[in-house]
């Protein structure tokens, strides 16, 4: 794959090679309501503002979704990565390892990978105007979590908070609308940060996956890291919309 410093063809490593078609697994007897989840890349040519003056849009890598009832399904804030695949997702845009891990977790009701942009022939990241879209099923009390790499970084990813996004309100009605405010840009704490869009150990520029110096840190919001770099707000890069569909026959 041809590499570009700031373009959409960002993941040069084995990350995209190992990605198969979109998958989903779960317990059908738990489902009563379907939802469509849409993730739009709303960045533009001025979203990234690196110190070298080469402003550019931001790309977002393929990701993983899970339906759950317990907290912290993918990571625990203020603690080190669990070593079950979040590192590969956050550093290289590869959700496959984490997807295999959550399939063995009794606390996960269902899970899947979203890796093919709308209208694309195969897996890849989304650039400006690009969209990931997937359908989930859940019963009242269930929550949605997902994770996907902020591609112009060493180990940053987008995900909701530890409780996930509640898919039903207090009266059991399905939610709908823009849920971007529930999403946080996280630092996985696994690889030392470099300036976004510039670092040689970031996925668009590294020669092989997993090549940057280890950080041995903890998972925390990038807003708490204070590394001196500029990061666009979540709403400058993505918009997350959830829409309830028809009831699932029981």
C-alpha atoms as a PDB file:
ATOM      1  CA  UNK A   1       0.000   0.000   0.000  1.00  0.00           C
ATOM      2  CA  UNK A   2       1.324   3.442  -0.846  1.00  0.00           C
ATOM      3  CA  UNK A   3       2.004   5.505   2.243  1.00  0.00           C
ATOM      4  CA  UNK A   4       0.919   9.093   2.657  1.00  0.00           C
ATOM      5  CA  UNK A   5       1.914  11.446   5.418  1.00  0.00           C
ATOM      6  CA  UNK A   6      -1.570  12.827   6.009  1.00  0.00           C
ATOM      7  CA  UNK A   7      -3.845  11.055   3.541  1.00  0.00           C
ATOM      8  CA  UNK A   8      -6.573   8.462   3.934  1.00  0.00           C
ATOM      9  CA  UNK A   9      -4.323   5.530   2.996  1.00  0.00           C
ATOM     10  CA  UNK A  10      -2.826   5.597   6.464  1.00  0.00           C
ATOM     11  CA  UNK A  11      -2.317   2.111   7.830  1.00  0.00           C
ATOM     12  CA  UNK A  12       0.735   0.764   6.094  1.00  0.00           C
ATOM     13  CA  UNK A  13       1.322  -2.213   8.325  1.00  0.00           C
ATOM     14  CA  UNK A  14      -0.166  -5.670   8.599  1.00  0.00           C
ATOM     15  CA  UNK A  15      -3.124  -4.077  10.354  1.00  0.00           C
ATOM     16  CA  UNK A  16      -5.235  -3.862   7.213  1.00  0.00           C
ATOM     17  CA  UNK A  17      -3.927  -7.129   5.810  1.00  0.00           C
ATOM     18  CA  UNK A  18      -5.310  -9.191   8.667  1.00  0.00           C
ATOM     19  CA  UNK A  19      -8.656  -7.428   8.716  1.00  0.00           C
ATOM     20  CA  UNK A  20     -11.347  -9.648   7.303  1.00  0.00           C
ATOM     21  CA  UNK A  21     -14.907  -8.646   6.485  1.00  0.00           C
ATOM     22  CA  UNK A  22     -17.080  -7.060   9.140  1.00  0.00           C
ATOM     23  CA  UNK A  23     -18.075  -9.586  11.788  1.00  0.00           C
ATOM     24  CA  UNK A  24     -20.488  -9.750  14.689  1.00  0.00           C
ATOM     25  CA  UNK A  25     -21.089 -12.365  17.329  1.00  0.00           C
ATOM     26  CA  UNK A  26     -23.474 -12.515  20.254  1.00  0.00           C
ATOM     27  CA  UNK A  27     -26.343 -14.074  22.108  1.00  0.00           C
ATOM     28  CA  UNK A  28     -29.484 -13.658  20.014  1.00  0.00           C
ATOM     29  CA  UNK A  29     -31.814 -14.353  22.937  1.00  0.00           C
ATOM     30  CA  UNK A  30     -30.675 -11.113  24.588  1.00  0.00           C
ATOM     31  CA  UNK A  31     -31.721  -8.899  21.680  1.00  0.00           C
ATOM     32  CA  UNK A  32     -35.008  -7.017  21.444  1.00  0.00           C
ATOM     33  CA  UNK A  33     -34.197  -3.776  19.650  1.00  0.00           C
ATOM     34  CA  UNK A  34     -31.988  -3.006  16.666  1.00  0.00           C
ATOM     35  CA  UNK A  35     -29.954   0.184  16.248  1.00  0.00           C
ATOM     36  CA  UNK A  36     -27.820   1.580  13.459  1.00  0.00           C
ATOM     37  CA  UNK A  37     -24.586   3.179  14.623  1.00  0.00           C
ATOM     38  CA  UNK A  38     -23.022   5.653  12.186  1.00  0.00           C
ATOM     39  CA  UNK A  39     -19.544   7.150  12.603  1.00  0.00           C
ATOM     40  CA  UNK A  40     -18.787  10.032  10.223  1.00  0.00           C
ATOM     41  CA  UNK A  41     -15.369  11.576   9.728  1.00  0.00           C
ATOM     42  CA  UNK A  42     -16.080  15.305   9.814  1.00  0.00           C
ATOM     43  CA  UNK A  43     -12.475  16.518   9.735  1.00  0.00           C
ATOM     44  CA  UNK A  44     -11.136  18.851   7.054  1.00  0.00           C
ATOM     45  CA  UNK A  45      -7.805  20.016   5.666  1.00  0.00           C
ATOM     46  CA  UNK A  46      -7.210  22.245   8.716  1.00  0.00           C
ATOM     47  CA  UNK A  47      -8.054  19.779  11.496  1.00  0.00           C
ATOM     48  CA  UNK A  48      -4.459  18.749  12.262  1.00  0.00           C
ATOM     49  CA  UNK A  49      -2.108  21.610  13.058  1.00  0.00           C
ATOM     50  CA  UNK A  50       1.399  20.170  13.441  1.00  0.00           C
ATOM     51  CA  UNK A  51       4.334  22.448  14.228  1.00  0.00           C
ATOM     52  CA  UNK A  52       5.758  22.048  10.704  1.00  0.00           C
ATOM     53  CA  UNK A  53       2.780  24.013   9.359  1.00  0.00           C
ATOM     54  CA  UNK A  54       1.451  21.179   7.171  1.00  0.00           C
ATOM     55  CA  UNK A  55      -2.200  21.336   8.184  1.00  0.00           C
ATOM     56  CA  UNK A  56      -4.192  18.244   7.277  1.00  0.00           C
ATOM     57  CA  UNK A  57      -7.374  16.219   7.920  1.00  0.00           C
ATOM     58  CA  UNK A  58      -7.487  13.352  10.413  1.00  0.00           C
ATOM     59  CA  UNK A  59      -8.230   9.729   9.573  1.00  0.00           C
ATOM     60  CA  UNK A  60      -9.877   7.143  11.822  1.00  0.00           C
ATOM     61  CA  UNK A  61      -9.026   3.439  11.703  1.00  0.00           C
ATOM     62  CA  UNK A  62     -11.357   0.414  11.789  1.00  0.00           C
ATOM     63  CA  UNK A  63     -12.670  -0.518  15.223  1.00  0.00           C
ATOM     64  CA  UNK A  64     -14.514  -2.854  17.546  1.00  0.00           C
ATOM     65  CA  UNK A  65     -17.949  -2.595  19.164  1.00  0.00           C
ATOM     66  CA  UNK A  66     -19.368  -4.465  22.172  1.00  0.00           C
ATOM     67  CA  UNK A  67     -22.763  -4.663  23.863  1.00  0.00           C
ATOM     68  CA  UNK A  68     -22.439  -5.097  27.632  1.00  0.00           C
ATOM     69  CA  UNK A  69     -24.045  -4.547  31.035  1.00  0.00           C
ATOM     70  CA  UNK A  70     -20.962  -4.333  33.236  1.00  0.00           C
ATOM     71  CA  UNK A  71     -18.468  -1.456  33.312  1.00  0.00           C
ATOM     72  CA  UNK A  72     -14.996  -1.315  31.755  1.00  0.00           C
ATOM     73  CA  UNK A  73     -15.564  -3.870  28.974  1.00  0.00           C
ATOM     74  CA  UNK A  74     -12.417  -2.940  27.007  1.00  0.00           C
ATOM     75  CA  UNK A  75     -10.154  -1.107  29.465  1.00  0.00           C
ATOM     76  CA  UNK A  76     -10.089   0.451  32.919  1.00  0.00           C
ATOM     77  CA  UNK A  77      -9.190   4.144  33.209  1.00  0.00           C
ATOM     78  CA  UNK A  78      -6.098   4.885  35.298  1.00  0.00           C
ATOM     79  CA  UNK A  79      -4.862   1.319  34.883  1.00  0.00           C
ATOM     80  CA  UNK A  80      -2.442  -0.287  32.439  1.00  0.00           C
ATOM     81  CA  UNK A  81      -3.687  -1.944  29.264  1.00  0.00           C
ATOM     82  CA  UNK A  82      -4.882  -5.498  29.984  1.00  0.00           C
ATOM     83  CA  UNK A  83      -2.769  -7.022  27.243  1.00  0.00           C
ATOM     84  CA  UNK A  84      -5.781  -8.422  25.388  1.00  0.00           C
ATOM     85  CA  UNK A  85      -5.566  -6.474  22.163  1.00  0.00           C
ATOM     86  CA  UNK A  86      -6.225  -2.825  22.947  1.00  0.00           C
ATOM     87  CA  UNK A  87      -2.568  -2.062  22.204  1.00  0.00           C
ATOM     88  CA  UNK A  88      -2.821  -3.402  18.643  1.00  0.00           C
ATOM     89  CA  UNK A  89      -5.984  -1.374  18.075  1.00  0.00           C
ATOM     90  CA  UNK A  90      -4.577   1.849  19.543  1.00  0.00           C
ATOM     91  CA  UNK A  91      -1.107   1.641  17.965  1.00  0.00           C
ATOM     92  CA  UNK A  92      -1.765   0.008  14.593  1.00  0.00           C
ATOM     93  CA  UNK A  93      -5.495   0.295  13.917  1.00  0.00           C
ATOM     94  CA  UNK A  94      -5.943  -3.479  14.178  1.00  0.00           C
ATOM     95  CA  UNK A  95      -9.079  -4.512  16.151  1.00  0.00           C
ATOM     96  CA  UNK A  96      -8.793  -8.250  15.411  1.00  0.00           C
ATOM     97  CA  UNK A  97      -6.852  -9.302  18.527  1.00  0.00           C
ATOM     98  CA  UNK A  98      -9.193  -7.437  20.858  1.00  0.00           C
ATOM     99  CA  UNK A  99     -12.216  -8.826  19.010  1.00  0.00           C
ATOM    100  CA  UNK A 100     -11.030 -12.382  19.601  1.00  0.00           C
ATOM    101  CA  UNK A 101     -10.420 -11.608  23.266  1.00  0.00           C
ATOM    102  CA  UNK A 102     -13.861 -10.141  24.007  1.00  0.00           C
ATOM    103  CA  UNK A 103     -15.538 -13.149  22.426  1.00  0.00           C
ATOM    104  CA  UNK A 104     -14.292 -15.133  25.433  1.00  0.00           C
ATOM    105  CA  UNK A 105     -15.553 -12.579  27.967  1.00  0.00           C
ATOM    106  CA  UNK A 106     -18.723 -13.651  29.757  1.00  0.00           C
ATOM    107  CA  UNK A 107     -19.582 -10.016  30.466  1.00  0.00           C
ATOM    108  CA  UNK A 108     -19.919  -9.187  26.751  1.00  0.00           C
ATOM    109  CA  UNK A 109     -23.379  -9.826  25.292  1.00  0.00           C
ATOM    110  CA  UNK A 110     -22.324  -9.352  21.655  1.00  0.00           C
ATOM    111  CA  UNK A 111     -19.460  -7.840  19.712  1.00  0.00           C
ATOM    112  CA  UNK A 112     -18.192  -7.148  16.234  1.00  0.00           C
ATOM    113  CA  UNK A 113     -15.703  -5.339  14.021  1.00  0.00           C
ATOM    114  CA  UNK A 114     -16.436  -2.383  11.756  1.00  0.00           C
ATOM    115  CA  UNK A 115     -13.706  -2.095   9.160  1.00  0.00           C
ATOM    116  CA  UNK A 116     -15.142  -1.254   5.731  1.00  0.00           C
ATOM    117  CA  UNK A 117     -16.134   2.353   4.979  1.00  0.00           C
ATOM    118  CA  UNK A 118     -19.518   2.879   3.341  1.00  0.00           C
ATOM    119  CA  UNK A 119     -19.102   2.505  -0.408  1.00  0.00           C
ATOM    120  CA  UNK A 120     -15.624   0.953  -0.179  1.00  0.00           C
ATOM    121  CA  UNK A 121     -14.661  -2.381  -1.700  1.00  0.00           C
ATOM    122  CA  UNK A 122     -12.678  -3.534   1.319  1.00  0.00           C
ATOM    123  CA  UNK A 123     -11.361  -2.692   4.788  1.00  0.00           C
ATOM    124  CA  UNK A 124      -9.640   0.607   5.444  1.00  0.00           C
ATOM    125  CA  UNK A 125      -9.696   3.813   7.493  1.00  0.00           C
ATOM    126  CA  UNK A 126     -12.110   6.687   6.951  1.00  0.00           C
ATOM    127  CA  UNK A 127     -10.949  10.142   5.925  1.00  0.00           C
ATOM    128  CA  UNK A 128     -13.006  13.342   5.559  1.00  0.00           C
ATOM    129  CA  UNK A 129     -16.531  12.499   4.413  1.00  0.00           C
ATOM    130  CA  UNK A 130     -16.019   8.797   5.093  1.00  0.00           C
ATOM    131  CA  UNK A 131     -18.392   6.713   7.210  1.00  0.00           C
ATOM    132  CA  UNK A 132     -18.397   3.507   9.206  1.00  0.00           C
ATOM    133  CA  UNK A 133     -21.858   2.068   9.843  1.00  0.00           C
ATOM    134  CA  UNK A 134     -22.997  -1.075  11.653  1.00  0.00           C
ATOM    135  CA  UNK A 135     -26.140  -2.550  13.185  1.00  0.00           C
ATOM    136  CA  UNK A 136     -26.426  -3.806  16.763  1.00  0.00           C
ATOM    137  CA  UNK A 137     -29.167  -5.471  18.778  1.00  0.00           C
ATOM    138  CA  UNK A 138     -29.774  -4.947  22.495  1.00  0.00           C
ATOM    139  CA  UNK A 139     -32.322  -5.250  25.285  1.00  0.00           C
ATOM    140  CA  UNK A 140     -33.108  -2.596  27.918  1.00  0.00           C
ATOM    141  CA  UNK A 141     -30.248  -2.215  30.364  1.00  0.00           C
ATOM    142  CA  UNK A 142     -27.589  -2.882  27.730  1.00  0.00           C
ATOM    143  CA  UNK A 143     -24.873  -0.428  26.819  1.00  0.00           C
ATOM    144  CA  UNK A 144     -22.686   0.159  23.777  1.00  0.00           C
ATOM    145  CA  UNK A 145     -18.920   0.605  23.842  1.00  0.00           C
ATOM    146  CA  UNK A 146     -16.528   0.807  20.922  1.00  0.00           C
ATOM    147  CA  UNK A 147     -12.901   1.672  20.246  1.00  0.00           C
ATOM    148  CA  UNK A 148     -11.094   2.900  17.118  1.00  0.00           C
ATOM    149  CA  UNK A 149      -7.680   4.435  16.559  1.00  0.00           C
ATOM    150  CA  UNK A 150      -7.023   8.125  15.980  1.00  0.00           C
ATOM    151  CA  UNK A 151      -4.750   7.186  13.113  1.00  0.00           C
ATOM    152  CA  UNK A 152      -2.275  10.087  13.237  1.00  0.00           C
ATOM    153  CA  UNK A 153      -1.019   9.102  16.695  1.00  0.00           C
ATOM    154  CA  UNK A 154       1.127   6.552  18.468  1.00  0.00           C
ATOM    155  CA  UNK A 155      -1.535   4.957  20.682  1.00  0.00           C
ATOM    156  CA  UNK A 156      -4.624   7.159  20.854  1.00  0.00           C
ATOM    157  CA  UNK A 157      -8.147   5.868  20.349  1.00  0.00           C
ATOM    158  CA  UNK A 158     -11.757   7.018  20.497  1.00  0.00           C
ATOM    159  CA  UNK A 159     -14.135   5.299  22.928  1.00  0.00           C
ATOM    160  CA  UNK A 160     -16.977   6.161  25.304  1.00  0.00           C
ATOM    161  CA  UNK A 161     -16.360   6.340  29.043  1.00  0.00           C
ATOM    162  CA  UNK A 162     -16.099   3.183  31.187  1.00  0.00           C
ATOM    163  CA  UNK A 163     -19.881   2.741  31.444  1.00  0.00           C
ATOM    164  CA  UNK A 164     -20.407   2.932  27.677  1.00  0.00           C
ATOM    165  CA  UNK A 165     -23.456   4.537  26.070  1.00  0.00           C
ATOM    166  CA  UNK A 166     -26.822   3.551  27.547  1.00  0.00           C
ATOM    167  CA  UNK A 167     -29.014   2.381  24.654  1.00  0.00           C
ATOM    168  CA  UNK A 168     -32.298   2.910  26.536  1.00  0.00           C
ATOM    169  CA  UNK A 169     -33.554   5.705  28.768  1.00  0.00           C
ATOM    170  CA  UNK A 170     -34.903   5.318  32.303  1.00  0.00           C
ATOM    171  CA  UNK A 171     -38.323   4.360  30.886  1.00  0.00           C
ATOM    172  CA  UNK A 172     -36.915   1.644  28.626  1.00  0.00           C
ATOM    173  CA  UNK A 173     -37.249   3.659  25.430  1.00  0.00           C
ATOM    174  CA  UNK A 174     -34.433   3.323  22.866  1.00  0.00           C
ATOM    175  CA  UNK A 175     -32.161   6.329  22.532  1.00  0.00           C
ATOM    176  CA  UNK A 176     -31.580   8.160  19.273  1.00  0.00           C
ATOM    177  CA  UNK A 177     -29.549  11.041  17.932  1.00  0.00           C
ATOM    178  CA  UNK A 178     -26.049  12.491  18.092  1.00  0.00           C
ATOM    179  CA  UNK A 179     -23.951  10.767  20.783  1.00  0.00           C
ATOM    180  CA  UNK A 180     -20.605  12.378  19.979  1.00  0.00           C
ATOM    181  CA  UNK A 181     -20.472  14.084  23.374  1.00  0.00           C
ATOM    182  CA  UNK A 182     -20.247  10.628  24.984  1.00  0.00           C
ATOM    183  CA  UNK A 183     -16.970   9.856  23.174  1.00  0.00           C
ATOM    184  CA  UNK A 184     -13.481  10.589  24.553  1.00  0.00           C
ATOM    185  CA  UNK A 185     -10.028  10.579  22.940  1.00  0.00           C
ATOM    186  CA  UNK A 186      -7.970   8.193  25.092  1.00  0.00           C
ATOM    187  CA  UNK A 187      -4.250   7.529  25.395  1.00  0.00           C
ATOM    188  CA  UNK A 188      -3.613   3.781  25.777  1.00  0.00           C
ATOM    189  CA  UNK A 189      -0.355   4.402  27.638  1.00  0.00           C
ATOM    190  CA  UNK A 190       1.467   1.731  25.649  1.00  0.00           C
ATOM    191  CA  UNK A 191       3.702   3.815  23.351  1.00  0.00           C
ATOM    192  CA  UNK A 192       5.398   7.168  23.891  1.00  0.00           C
ATOM    193  CA  UNK A 193       3.519  10.017  22.218  1.00  0.00           C
ATOM    194  CA  UNK A 194       4.929  11.953  19.288  1.00  0.00           C
ATOM    195  CA  UNK A 195       3.451  15.022  17.640  1.00  0.00           C
ATOM    196  CA  UNK A 196       0.225  13.999  15.821  1.00  0.00           C
ATOM    197  CA  UNK A 197       0.744  13.734  12.081  1.00  0.00           C
ATOM    198  CA  UNK A 198       4.523  14.021  12.365  1.00  0.00           C
ATOM    199  CA  UNK A 199       5.888  11.165  14.492  1.00  0.00           C
ATOM    200  CA  UNK A 200       7.948   8.565  12.651  1.00  0.00           C
ATOM    201  CA  UNK A 201       6.630   5.778  14.873  1.00  0.00           C
ATOM    202  CA  UNK A 202       2.984   6.517  14.047  1.00  0.00           C
ATOM    203  CA  UNK A 203       1.068   4.102  11.809  1.00  0.00           C
ATOM    204  CA  UNK A 204       1.166   6.195   8.621  1.00  0.00           C
ATOM    205  CA  UNK A 205       4.967   6.472   8.738  1.00  0.00           C
ATOM    206  CA  UNK A 206       6.277   3.422  10.593  1.00  0.00           C
ATOM    207  CA  UNK A 207       7.835   0.659   8.495  1.00  0.00           C
ATOM    208  CA  UNK A 208       6.376  -2.175  10.610  1.00  0.00           C
ATOM    209  CA  UNK A 209       3.690  -2.347  13.313  1.00  0.00           C
ATOM    210  CA  UNK A 210       4.509  -1.887  16.979  1.00  0.00           C
ATOM    211  CA  UNK A 211       7.858  -0.148  16.529  1.00  0.00           C
ATOM    212  CA  UNK A 212       7.701   2.849  18.889  1.00  0.00           C
ATOM    213  CA  UNK A 213       9.262   3.034  22.383  1.00  0.00           C
ATOM    214  CA  UNK A 214       7.130   1.597  25.165  1.00  0.00           C
ATOM    215  CA  UNK A 215       5.494   4.032  27.547  1.00  0.00           C
ATOM    216  CA  UNK A 216       4.487   1.659  30.383  1.00  0.00           C
ATOM    217  CA  UNK A 217       1.711   4.053  31.317  1.00  0.00           C
ATOM    218  CA  UNK A 218      -2.017   3.802  32.019  1.00  0.00           C
ATOM    219  CA  UNK A 219      -5.153   4.374  29.959  1.00  0.00           C
ATOM    220  CA  UNK A 220      -6.379   7.941  30.430  1.00  0.00           C
ATOM    221  CA  UNK A 221      -8.054  10.743  28.487  1.00  0.00           C
ATOM    222  CA  UNK A 222      -5.575  12.621  26.318  1.00  0.00           C
ATOM    223  CA  UNK A 223      -6.762  15.818  28.029  1.00  0.00           C
ATOM    224  CA  UNK A 224      -5.019  14.571  31.195  1.00  0.00           C
ATOM    225  CA  UNK A 225      -1.700  13.747  29.502  1.00  0.00           C
ATOM    226  CA  UNK A 226      -0.389  17.307  29.014  1.00  0.00           C
ATOM    227  CA  UNK A 227       2.323  16.328  26.539  1.00  0.00           C
ATOM    228  CA  UNK A 228       2.390  19.745  24.874  1.00  0.00           C
ATOM    229  CA  UNK A 229       0.935  18.576  21.548  1.00  0.00           C
ATOM    230  CA  UNK A 230      -2.208  19.869  19.866  1.00  0.00           C
ATOM    231  CA  UNK A 231      -5.077  17.373  19.513  1.00  0.00           C
ATOM    232  CA  UNK A 232      -8.350  18.231  17.761  1.00  0.00           C
ATOM    233  CA  UNK A 233     -11.515  17.857  19.803  1.00  0.00           C
ATOM    234  CA  UNK A 234     -13.562  14.716  19.252  1.00  0.00           C
ATOM    235  CA  UNK A 235     -16.291  16.681  17.463  1.00  0.00           C
ATOM    236  CA  UNK A 236     -13.714  18.101  15.032  1.00  0.00           C
ATOM    237  CA  UNK A 237     -12.918  14.601  13.803  1.00  0.00           C
ATOM    238  CA  UNK A 238     -15.976  12.353  14.213  1.00  0.00           C
ATOM    239  CA  UNK A 239     -19.737  12.436  14.651  1.00  0.00           C
ATOM    240  CA  UNK A 240     -21.462   9.404  16.204  1.00  0.00           C
ATOM    241  CA  UNK A 241     -25.178   8.939  15.543  1.00  0.00           C
ATOM    242  CA  UNK A 242     -27.390   6.146  16.895  1.00  0.00           C
ATOM    243  CA  UNK A 243     -30.768   5.392  15.301  1.00  0.00           C
ATOM    244  CA  UNK A 244     -33.251   2.764  16.572  1.00  0.00           C
ATOM    245  CA  UNK A 245     -34.717   0.438  13.936  1.00  0.00           C
ATOM    246  CA  UNK A 246     -37.562  -2.045  13.977  1.00  0.00           C
ATOM    247  CA  UNK A 247     -38.127  -4.413  16.874  1.00  0.00           C
ATOM    248  CA  UNK A 248     -36.485  -7.823  16.602  1.00  0.00           C
ATOM    249  CA  UNK A 249     -38.951 -10.722  16.600  1.00  0.00           C
ATOM    250  CA  UNK A 250     -38.770 -12.761  19.819  1.00  0.00           C
END
